[in-house]
Structure formats: C-alpha cells, structure tokens
Amino acid sequence: MLEHLSIEYTIKKKIVFLILASVGAIKQTSFFLFTRLDSKDKINNTNITTTSILWAKKSLPPG
C-alpha cells in the first residue's frame, strides 16, 4: 500500500516538475525573442547574458 502511494507521489511530482520546467522555458524563450526584436544590434554573448539576468530577476518572487 505504501509503495503504491510513494510511486504515485513520485510520478505526480515529476509531472508537475515537467510542466513548470516547460512553462519556464517558454517564458524565457519568448522574453528572449522580444528582447532580441527590440535590439537592432547583432546578437552577442553580452546580449544573451543580459537577457538571462533580466529574465531571472523578473521570475524571482517579490521579497
């Protein structure tokens, strides 16, 4: 009985993690694309790093 419950819990945990990960990836990609469209200059490492930092700050919970 307990084994069955722990397996079910593990599966649910993995599904939730996958959903959150895919939502995070979609947000990061769309934010990156919008930032890329705004900046006219050629893409470079600094642009990618700045975008990643901005996205990370934006996604942090307040407080």
Protein backbone atom coordinates (compact mmCIF):
# COMPACT_ATOMS: atom_id res chain seq x y z
CA MET A 1 0.00 0.00 0.00
CA LEU A 2 2.72 2.46 1.00
CA GLU A 3 4.86 1.53 -2.01
CA HIS A 4 1.98 2.26 -4.35
CA LEU A 5 1.38 5.67 -2.75
CA SER A 6 5.05 6.67 -2.95
CA ILE A 7 5.25 5.65 -6.62
CA GLU A 8 2.11 7.68 -7.38
CA TYR A 9 3.53 10.66 -5.49
CA THR A 10 6.84 10.43 -7.37
CA ILE A 11 5.06 10.33 -10.73
CA LYS A 12 2.88 13.33 -9.84
CA LYS A 13 5.96 15.23 -8.63
CA LYS A 14 7.74 14.54 -11.93
CA ILE A 15 4.73 15.66 -13.98
CA VAL A 16 4.45 18.93 -12.02
CA PHE A 17 8.19 19.50 -12.44
CA LEU A 18 7.96 18.90 -16.21
CA ILE A 19 5.04 21.34 -16.52
CA LEU A 20 6.87 24.03 -14.53
CA ALA A 21 10.08 23.47 -16.49
CA SER A 22 8.31 23.76 -19.84
CA VAL A 23 6.46 26.91 -18.75
CA GLY A 24 9.76 28.42 -17.60
CA ALA A 25 11.43 27.52 -20.88
CA ILE A 26 8.59 29.05 -22.91
CA LYS A 27 8.70 32.25 -20.83
CA GLN A 28 12.47 32.53 -21.21
CA THR A 29 12.32 31.90 -24.95
CA SER A 30 9.54 34.42 -25.58
CA PHE A 31 11.21 37.03 -23.38
CA PHE A 32 14.50 36.44 -25.21
CA LEU A 33 12.80 36.77 -28.60
CA PHE A 34 11.07 40.02 -27.63
CA THR A 35 14.33 41.43 -26.29
CA ARG A 36 16.07 40.35 -29.50
CA LEU A 37 13.42 42.07 -31.62
CA ASP A 38 13.80 45.29 -29.62
CA SER A 39 17.57 45.47 -30.00
CA LYS A 40 18.74 46.23 -33.52
CA ASP A 41 22.36 45.27 -32.92
CA LYS A 42 23.83 41.89 -33.79
CA ILE A 43 23.40 39.13 -31.25
CA ASN A 44 26.36 38.52 -28.98
CA ASN A 45 27.25 36.91 -25.65
CA THR A 46 26.59 40.10 -23.68
CA ASN A 47 23.07 40.33 -25.06
CA ILE A 48 22.35 36.71 -24.09
CA THR A 49 23.79 37.17 -20.59
CA THR A 50 21.85 40.39 -20.01
CA THR A 51 18.64 38.74 -21.19
CA SER A 52 19.22 35.77 -18.87
CA ILE A 53 19.88 38.06 -15.90
CA LEU A 54 16.81 40.19 -16.64
CA TRP A 55 14.66 37.09 -17.00
CA ALA A 56 15.99 35.64 -13.75
CA LYS A 57 15.26 38.89 -11.89
CA LYS A 58 11.79 39.08 -13.43
CA SER A 59 10.95 35.49 -12.48
CA LEU A 60 12.02 35.81 -8.84
CA PRO A 61 9.18 36.11 -6.35
CA PRO A 62 8.95 39.50 -4.60
CA GLY A 63 10.67 39.76 -1.23
